[in-house]
PDB file of all heavy atoms in Angstrom:
ATOM      1  N   ARG A   1      11.094   4.994  38.665  1.00  0.00           N
ATOM      2  CA  ARG A   1       9.924   4.980  37.757  1.00  0.00           C
ATOM      3  C   ARG A   1       9.130   3.691  37.837  1.00  0.00           C
ATOM      4  O   ARG A   1       8.102   3.541  37.180  1.00  0.00           O
ATOM      5  CB  ARG A   1      10.407   5.208  36.306  1.00  0.00           C
ATOM      6  CG  ARG A   1      11.110   6.491  36.077  1.00  0.00           C
ATOM      7  CD  ARG A   1      10.145   7.604  35.875  1.00  0.00           C
ATOM      8  NE  ARG A   1       9.383   7.429  34.638  1.00  0.00           N
ATOM      9  CZ  ARG A   1       8.350   8.158  34.317  1.00  0.00           C
ATOM     10  NH1 ARG A   1       7.911   9.143  35.153  1.00  0.00           N
ATOM     11  NH2 ARG A   1       7.693   7.956  33.184  1.00  0.00           N
ATOM     12  N   GLY A   2       9.599   2.715  38.632  1.00  0.00           N
ATOM     13  CA  GLY A   2       8.865   1.428  38.833  1.00  0.00           C
ATOM     14  C   GLY A   2       9.015   0.507  37.680  1.00  0.00           C
ATOM     15  O   GLY A   2       8.216  -0.399  37.525  1.00  0.00           O
ATOM     16  N   HIS A   3      10.100   0.629  36.876  1.00  0.00           N
ATOM     17  CA  HIS A   3      10.284  -0.258  35.767  1.00  0.00           C
ATOM     18  C   HIS A   3      11.097  -1.488  36.145  1.00  0.00           C
ATOM     19  O   HIS A   3      11.754  -1.493  37.175  1.00  0.00           O
ATOM     20  CB  HIS A   3      11.085   0.473  34.637  1.00  0.00           C
ATOM     21  CG  HIS A   3      10.426   1.698  34.160  1.00  0.00           C
ATOM     22  ND1 HIS A   3       9.068   1.804  33.912  1.00  0.00           N
ATOM     23  CD2 HIS A   3      10.904   2.921  33.803  1.00  0.00           C
ATOM     24  CE1 HIS A   3       8.757   3.006  33.470  1.00  0.00           C
ATOM     25  NE2 HIS A   3       9.881   3.718  33.414  1.00  0.00           N
ATOM     26  N   THR A   4      11.033  -2.505  35.314  1.00  0.00           N
ATOM     27  CA  THR A   4      11.913  -3.697  35.441  1.00  0.00           C
ATOM     28  C   THR A   4      12.949  -3.624  34.335  1.00  0.00           C
ATOM     29  O   THR A   4      12.643  -3.224  33.215  1.00  0.00           O
ATOM     30  CB  THR A   4      11.094  -4.991  35.325  1.00  0.00           C
ATOM     31  OG1 THR A   4      10.480  -5.043  34.045  1.00  0.00           O
ATOM     32  CG2 THR A   4      10.040  -5.093  36.417  1.00  0.00           C
ATOM     33  N   LEU A   5      14.163  -4.051  34.660  1.00  0.00           N
ATOM     34  CA  LEU A   5      15.260  -4.022  33.708  1.00  0.00           C
ATOM     35  C   LEU A   5      15.864  -5.402  33.555  1.00  0.00           C
ATOM     36  O   LEU A   5      16.278  -6.018  34.556  1.00  0.00           O
ATOM     37  CB  LEU A   5      16.323  -3.052  34.175  1.00  0.00           C
ATOM     38  CG  LEU A   5      17.603  -2.945  33.340  1.00  0.00           C
ATOM     39  CD1 LEU A   5      17.301  -2.518  31.912  1.00  0.00           C
ATOM     40  CD2 LEU A   5      18.672  -2.039  33.957  1.00  0.00           C
ATOM     41  N   ASP A   6      15.909  -5.893  32.330  1.00  0.00           N
ATOM     42  CA  ASP A   6      16.441  -7.198  32.022  1.00  0.00           C
ATOM     43  C   ASP A   6      17.722  -6.976  31.143  1.00  0.00           C
ATOM     44  O   ASP A   6      17.639  -6.379  30.079  1.00  0.00           O
ATOM     45  CB  ASP A   6      15.437  -8.052  31.256  1.00  0.00           C
ATOM     46  CG  ASP A   6      16.035  -9.411  30.884  1.00  0.00           C
ATOM     47  OD1 ASP A   6      16.920  -9.887  31.581  1.00  0.00           O
ATOM     48  OD2 ASP A   6      15.525  -9.999  29.903  1.00  0.00           O
ATOM     49  N   VAL A   7      18.865  -7.429  31.653  1.00  0.00           N
ATOM     50  CA  VAL A   7      20.171  -7.232  30.957  1.00  0.00           C
ATOM     51  C   VAL A   7      20.657  -8.604  30.527  1.00  0.00           C
ATOM     52  O   VAL A   7      20.791  -9.512  31.324  1.00  0.00           O
ATOM     53  CB  VAL A   7      21.182  -6.534  31.842  1.00  0.00           C
ATOM     54  CG1 VAL A   7      22.503  -6.318  31.098  1.00  0.00           C
ATOM     55  CG2 VAL A   7      20.651  -5.196  32.374  1.00  0.00           C
ATOM     56  N   GLN A   8      20.925  -8.726  29.267  1.00  0.00           N
ATOM     57  CA  GLN A   8      21.434  -9.979  28.643  1.00  0.00           C
ATOM     58  C   GLN A   8      22.777  -9.679  27.957  1.00  0.00           C
ATOM     59  O   GLN A   8      22.839  -8.912  27.032  1.00  0.00           O
ATOM     60  CB  GLN A   8      20.492 -10.565  27.628  1.00  0.00           C
ATOM     61  CG  GLN A   8      19.089 -10.915  28.224  1.00  0.00           C
ATOM     62  CD  GLN A   8      18.134 -11.444  27.202  1.00  0.00           C
ATOM     63  OE1 GLN A   8      18.499 -11.762  26.084  1.00  0.00           O
ATOM     64  NE2 GLN A   8      16.847 -11.556  27.575  1.00  0.00           N
ATOM     65  N   LEU A   9      23.861 -10.294  28.466  1.00  0.00           N
ATOM     66  CA  LEU A   9      25.201 -10.053  27.971  1.00  0.00           C
ATOM     67  C   LEU A   9      25.799 -11.348  27.393  1.00  0.00           C
ATOM     68  O   LEU A   9      25.455 -12.428  27.815  1.00  0.00           O
ATOM     69  CB  LEU A   9      26.103  -9.518  29.104  1.00  0.00           C
ATOM     70  CG  LEU A   9      25.639  -8.196  29.756  1.00  0.00           C
ATOM     71  CD1 LEU A   9      26.565  -7.856  30.917  1.00  0.00           C
ATOM     72  CD2 LEU A   9      25.538  -7.088  28.785  1.00  0.00           C
ATOM     73  N   PRO A  10      26.735 -11.214  26.480  1.00  0.00           N
ATOM     74  CA  PRO A  10      27.466 -12.402  25.979  1.00  0.00           C
ATOM     75  C   PRO A  10      28.162 -13.116  27.081  1.00  0.00           C
ATOM     76  O   PRO A  10      28.667 -12.504  28.051  1.00  0.00           O
ATOM     77  CB  PRO A  10      28.412 -11.850  24.920  1.00  0.00           C
ATOM     78  CG  PRO A  10      27.854 -10.490  24.590  1.00  0.00           C
ATOM     79  CD  PRO A  10      27.212  -9.978  25.809  1.00  0.00           C
ATOM     80  N   SER A  11      28.274 -14.485  26.972  1.00  0.00           N
ATOM     81  CA  SER A  11      28.986 -15.252  28.001  1.00  0.00           C
ATOM     82  C   SER A  11      30.439 -14.996  27.983  1.00  0.00           C
ATOM     83  O   SER A  11      31.088 -15.003  29.033  1.00  0.00           O
ATOM     84  CB  SER A  11      28.652 -16.731  27.844  1.00  0.00           C
ATOM     85  OG  SER A  11      29.068 -17.134  26.472  1.00  0.00           O
ATOM     86  N   GLY A  12      31.014 -14.797  26.832  1.00  0.00           N
ATOM     87  CA  GLY A  12      32.474 -14.551  26.736  1.00  0.00           C
ATOM     88  C   GLY A  12      32.818 -13.092  26.669  1.00  0.00           C
ATOM     89  O   GLY A  12      31.906 -12.246  26.265  1.00  0.00           O
ATOM     90  N   PRO A  13      34.046 -12.694  26.952  1.00  0.00           N
ATOM     91  CA  PRO A  13      34.417 -11.255  26.903  1.00  0.00           C
ATOM     92  C   PRO A  13      34.370 -10.729  25.478  1.00  0.00           C
ATOM     93  O   PRO A  13      34.777 -11.390  24.533  1.00  0.00           O
ATOM     94  CB  PRO A  13      35.860 -11.243  27.456  1.00  0.00           C
ATOM     95  CG  PRO A  13      36.353 -12.634  27.239  1.00  0.00           C
ATOM     96  CD  PRO A  13      35.196 -13.547  27.378  1.00  0.00           C
ATOM     97  N   VAL A  14      33.855  -9.490  25.343  1.00  0.00           N
ATOM     98  CA  VAL A  14      33.788  -8.822  24.049  1.00  0.00           C
ATOM     99  C   VAL A  14      34.659  -7.547  24.190  1.00  0.00           C
ATOM    100  O   VAL A  14      34.311  -6.636  24.959  1.00  0.00           O
ATOM    101  CB  VAL A  14      32.374  -8.435  23.697  1.00  0.00           C
ATOM    102  CG1 VAL A  14      32.335  -7.666  22.344  1.00  0.00           C
ATOM    103  CG2 VAL A  14      31.497  -9.692  23.614  1.00  0.00           C
ATOM    104  N   TRP A  15      35.736  -7.511  23.445  1.00  0.00           N
ATOM    105  CA  TRP A  15      36.671  -6.371  23.608  1.00  0.00           C
ATOM    106  C   TRP A  15      36.479  -5.312  22.553  1.00  0.00           C
ATOM    107  O   TRP A  15      36.269  -5.641  21.355  1.00  0.00           O
ATOM    108  CB  TRP A  15      38.121  -6.915  23.558  1.00  0.00           C
ATOM    109  CG  TRP A  15      38.510  -7.718  24.736  1.00  0.00           C
ATOM    110  CD1 TRP A  15      38.437  -9.028  24.864  1.00  0.00           C
ATOM    111  CD2 TRP A  15      38.919  -7.177  26.002  1.00  0.00           C
ATOM    112  NE1 TRP A  15      38.831  -9.434  26.153  1.00  0.00           N
ATOM    113  CE2 TRP A  15      39.159  -8.270  26.863  1.00  0.00           C
ATOM    114  CE3 TRP A  15      39.219  -5.895  26.485  1.00  0.00           C
ATOM    115  CZ2 TRP A  15      39.605  -8.180  28.146  1.00  0.00           C
ATOM    116  CZ3 TRP A  15      39.656  -5.757  27.766  1.00  0.00           C
ATOM    117  CH2 TRP A  15      39.833  -6.878  28.584  1.00  0.00           C
ATOM    118  N   LEU A  16      36.550  -4.072  22.970  1.00  0.00           N
ATOM    119  CA  LEU A  16      36.395  -2.929  22.085  1.00  0.00           C
ATOM    120  C   LEU A  16      37.594  -2.006  22.289  1.00  0.00           C
ATOM    121  O   LEU A  16      38.193  -1.992  23.342  1.00  0.00           O
ATOM    122  CB  LEU A  16      35.128  -2.162  22.394  1.00  0.00           C
ATOM    123  CG  LEU A  16      33.775  -2.902  22.412  1.00  0.00           C
ATOM    124  CD1 LEU A  16      32.678  -1.957  22.866  1.00  0.00           C
ATOM    125  CD2 LEU A  16      33.459  -3.467  21.054  1.00  0.00           C
ATOM    126  N   GLU A  17      37.881  -1.207  21.221  1.00  0.00           N
ATOM    127  CA  GLU A  17      38.834  -0.116  21.386  1.00  0.00           C
ATOM    128  C   GLU A  17      38.054   1.152  21.515  1.00  0.00           C
ATOM    129  O   GLU A  17      37.575   1.762  20.522  1.00  0.00           O
ATOM    130  CB  GLU A  17      39.745  -0.065  20.089  1.00  0.00           C
ATOM    131  CG  GLU A  17      40.966   0.835  20.266  1.00  0.00           C
ATOM    132  CD  GLU A  17      42.045   0.212  21.112  1.00  0.00           C
ATOM    133  OE1 GLU A  17      41.972  -1.018  21.290  1.00  0.00           O
ATOM    134  OE2 GLU A  17      42.945   0.910  21.558  1.00  0.00           O
ATOM    135  N   ALA A  18      37.819   1.550  22.754  1.00  0.00           N
ATOM    136  CA  ALA A  18      36.818   2.643  22.965  1.00  0.00           C
ATOM    137  C   ALA A  18      37.174   3.420  24.222  1.00  0.00           C
ATOM    138  O   ALA A  18      38.011   3.026  25.052  1.00  0.00           O
ATOM    139  CB  ALA A  18      35.424   2.001  23.111  1.00  0.00           C
ATOM    140  N   ASP A  19      36.459   4.554  24.384  1.00  0.00           N
ATOM    141  CA  ASP A  19      36.510   5.383  25.572  1.00  0.00           C
ATOM    142  C   ASP A  19      35.448   4.832  26.535  1.00  0.00           C
ATOM    143  O   ASP A  19      34.241   5.037  26.320  1.00  0.00           O
ATOM    144  CB  ASP A  19      36.246   6.862  25.226  1.00  0.00           C
ATOM    145  CG  ASP A  19      36.436   7.799  26.380  1.00  0.00           C
ATOM    146  OD1 ASP A  19      36.157   7.409  27.522  1.00  0.00           O
ATOM    147  OD2 ASP A  19      36.857   8.924  26.176  1.00  0.00           O
ATOM    148  N   ALA A  20      35.850   4.187  27.608  1.00  0.00           N
ATOM    149  CA  ALA A  20      34.918   3.493  28.489  1.00  0.00           C
ATOM    150  C   ALA A  20      33.939   4.529  29.129  1.00  0.00           C
ATOM    151  O   ALA A  20      32.727   4.211  29.238  1.00  0.00           O
ATOM    152  CB  ALA A  20      35.652   2.750  29.564  1.00  0.00           C
ATOM    153  N   THR A  21      34.405   5.712  29.524  1.00  0.00           N
ATOM    154  CA  THR A  21      33.519   6.693  30.178  1.00  0.00           C
ATOM    155  C   THR A  21      32.473   7.199  29.215  1.00  0.00           C
ATOM    156  O   THR A  21      31.295   7.236  29.535  1.00  0.00           O
ATOM    157  CB  THR A  21      34.371   7.834  30.708  1.00  0.00           C
ATOM    158  OG1 THR A  21      35.344   7.342  31.632  1.00  0.00           O
ATOM    159  CG2 THR A  21      33.476   8.886  31.371  1.00  0.00           C
ATOM    160  N   ARG A  22      32.880   7.592  28.009  1.00  0.00           N
ATOM    161  CA  ARG A  22      31.935   8.113  27.026  1.00  0.00           C
ATOM    162  C   ARG A  22      30.965   7.049  26.528  1.00  0.00           C
ATOM    163  O   ARG A  22      29.761   7.300  26.357  1.00  0.00           O
ATOM    164  CB  ARG A  22      32.671   8.706  25.816  1.00  0.00           C
ATOM    165  CG  ARG A  22      33.335  10.059  26.132  1.00  0.00           C
ATOM    166  CD  ARG A  22      32.338  11.070  26.511  1.00  0.00           C
ATOM    167  NE  ARG A  22      32.889  12.411  26.509  1.00  0.00           N
ATOM    168  CZ  ARG A  22      32.158  13.499  26.766  1.00  0.00           C
ATOM    169  NH1 ARG A  22      30.885  13.389  27.064  1.00  0.00           N
ATOM    170  NH2 ARG A  22      32.738  14.701  26.774  1.00  0.00           N
ATOM    171  N   LEU A  23      31.427   5.803  26.368  1.00  0.00           N
ATOM    172  CA  LEU A  23      30.567   4.717  25.915  1.00  0.00           C
ATOM    173  C   LEU A  23      29.580   4.363  27.004  1.00  0.00           C
ATOM    174  O   LEU A  23      28.367   4.077  26.737  1.00  0.00           O
ATOM    175  CB  LEU A  23      31.411   3.450  25.592  1.00  0.00           C
ATOM    176  CG  LEU A  23      30.833   2.572  24.448  1.00  0.00           C
ATOM    177  CD1 LEU A  23      30.494   3.371  23.221  1.00  0.00           C
ATOM    178  CD2 LEU A  23      31.790   1.449  24.138  1.00  0.00           C
ATOM    179  N   SER A  24      29.982   4.431  28.273  1.00  0.00           N
ATOM    180  CA  SER A  24      29.064   4.215  29.386  1.00  0.00           C
ATOM    181  C   SER A  24      27.987   5.315  29.383  1.00  0.00           C
ATOM    182  O   SER A  24      26.802   5.034  29.702  1.00  0.00           O
ATOM    183  CB  SER A  24      29.802   4.164  30.704  1.00  0.00           C
ATOM    184  OG  SER A  24      28.914   4.042  31.780  1.00  0.00           O
ATOM    185  N   GLN A  25      28.395   6.575  29.029  1.00  0.00           N
ATOM    186  CA  GLN A  25      27.440   7.668  28.951  1.00  0.00           C
ATOM    187  C   GLN A  25      26.412   7.422  27.868  1.00  0.00           C
ATOM    188  O   GLN A  25      25.240   7.729  28.070  1.00  0.00           O
ATOM    189  CB  GLN A  25      28.214   8.948  28.678  1.00  0.00           C
ATOM    190  CG  GLN A  25      27.356  10.203  28.647  1.00  0.00           C
ATOM    191  CD  GLN A  25      28.177  11.461  28.328  1.00  0.00           C
ATOM    192  OE1 GLN A  25      29.393  11.397  28.129  1.00  0.00           O
ATOM    193  NE2 GLN A  25      27.521  12.590  28.284  1.00  0.00           N
ATOM    194  N   VAL A  26      26.823   6.792  26.763  1.00  0.00           N
ATOM    195  CA  VAL A  26      25.882   6.486  25.670  1.00  0.00           C
ATOM    196  C   VAL A  26      24.825   5.549  26.165  1.00  0.00           C
ATOM    197  O   VAL A  26      23.584   5.795  26.031  1.00  0.00           O
ATOM    198  CB  VAL A  26      26.634   5.896  24.450  1.00  0.00           C
ATOM    199  CG1 VAL A  26      25.615   5.350  23.447  1.00  0.00           C
ATOM    200  CG2 VAL A  26      27.506   6.963  23.811  1.00  0.00           C
ATOM    201  N   PHE A  27      25.245   4.404  26.747  1.00  0.00           N
ATOM    202  CA  PHE A  27      24.242   3.430  27.139  1.00  0.00           C
ATOM    203  C   PHE A  27      23.396   3.923  28.326  1.00  0.00           C
ATOM    204  O   PHE A  27      22.212   3.574  28.404  1.00  0.00           O
ATOM    205  CB  PHE A  27      24.955   2.117  27.522  1.00  0.00           C
ATOM    206  CG  PHE A  27      25.727   1.493  26.343  1.00  0.00           C
ATOM    207  CD1 PHE A  27      26.963   0.967  26.497  1.00  0.00           C
ATOM    208  CD2 PHE A  27      25.148   1.512  25.093  1.00  0.00           C
ATOM    209  CE1 PHE A  27      27.684   0.442  25.429  1.00  0.00           C
ATOM    210  CE2 PHE A  27      25.813   0.902  23.996  1.00  0.00           C
ATOM    211  CZ  PHE A  27      27.099   0.374  24.199  1.00  0.00           C
ATOM    212  N   SER A  28      23.957   4.679  29.285  1.00  0.00           N
ATOM    213  CA  SER A  28      23.142   5.203  30.369  1.00  0.00           C
ATOM    214  C   SER A  28      22.128   6.233  29.796  1.00  0.00           C
ATOM    215  O   SER A  28      20.998   6.264  30.312  1.00  0.00           O
ATOM    216  CB  SER A  28      24.004   5.852  31.403  1.00  0.00           C
ATOM    217  OG  SER A  28      24.698   6.984  30.902  1.00  0.00           O
ATOM    218  N   ASN A  29      22.457   6.999  28.779  1.00  0.00           N
ATOM    219  CA  ASN A  29      21.527   7.911  28.159  1.00  0.00           C
ATOM    220  C   ASN A  29      20.379   7.156  27.524  1.00  0.00           C
ATOM    221  O   ASN A  29      19.204   7.568  27.656  1.00  0.00           O
ATOM    222  CB  ASN A  29      22.219   8.801  27.111  1.00  0.00           C
ATOM    223  CG  ASN A  29      22.958   9.982  27.725  1.00  0.00           C
ATOM    224  OD1 ASN A  29      22.824  10.235  28.899  1.00  0.00           O
ATOM    225  ND2 ASN A  29      23.689  10.703  26.898  1.00  0.00           N
ATOM    226  N   LEU A  30      20.722   6.036  26.829  1.00  0.00           N
ATOM    227  CA  LEU A  30      19.663   5.273  26.215  1.00  0.00           C
ATOM    228  C   LEU A  30      18.730   4.668  27.219  1.00  0.00           C
ATOM    229  O   LEU A  30      17.513   4.611  27.075  1.00  0.00           O
ATOM    230  CB  LEU A  30      20.281   4.157  25.337  1.00  0.00           C
ATOM    231  CG  LEU A  30      21.092   4.617  24.116  1.00  0.00           C
ATOM    232  CD1 LEU A  30      21.689   3.457  23.414  1.00  0.00           C
ATOM    233  CD2 LEU A  30      20.216   5.460  23.139  1.00  0.00           C
ATOM    234  N   LEU A  31      19.290   4.137  28.337  1.00  0.00           N
ATOM    235  CA  LEU A  31      18.490   3.573  29.412  1.00  0.00           C
ATOM    236  C   LEU A  31      17.614   4.651  30.054  1.00  0.00           C
ATOM    237  O   LEU A  31      16.411   4.398  30.317  1.00  0.00           O
ATOM    238  CB  LEU A  31      19.361   2.878  30.433  1.00  0.00           C
ATOM    239  CG  LEU A  31      20.027   1.562  29.966  1.00  0.00           C
ATOM    240  CD1 LEU A  31      21.047   1.094  31.037  1.00  0.00           C
ATOM    241  CD2 LEU A  31      18.990   0.468  29.730  1.00  0.00           C
ATOM    242  N   ASN A  32      18.170   5.798  30.344  1.00  0.00           N
ATOM    243  CA  ASN A  32      17.385   6.863  30.945  1.00  0.00           C
ATOM    244  C   ASN A  32      16.297   7.356  30.014  1.00  0.00           C
ATOM    245  O   ASN A  32      15.186   7.654  30.467  1.00  0.00           O
ATOM    246  CB  ASN A  32      18.308   8.065  31.297  1.00  0.00           C
ATOM    247  CG  ASN A  32      19.107   7.856  32.551  1.00  0.00           C
ATOM    248  OD1 ASN A  32      18.651   7.128  33.453  1.00  0.00           O
ATOM    249  ND2 ASN A  32      20.291   8.400  32.660  1.00  0.00           N
TER     250      ASN A  32
END
């Protein structure tokens, strides 16, 4: 689509108790 994407992440590790596959689906849906 010709967009630019800027990703800003915390410098230190941030741990979650989560389903990695489903959570990745959430963020990819938001980006799409």
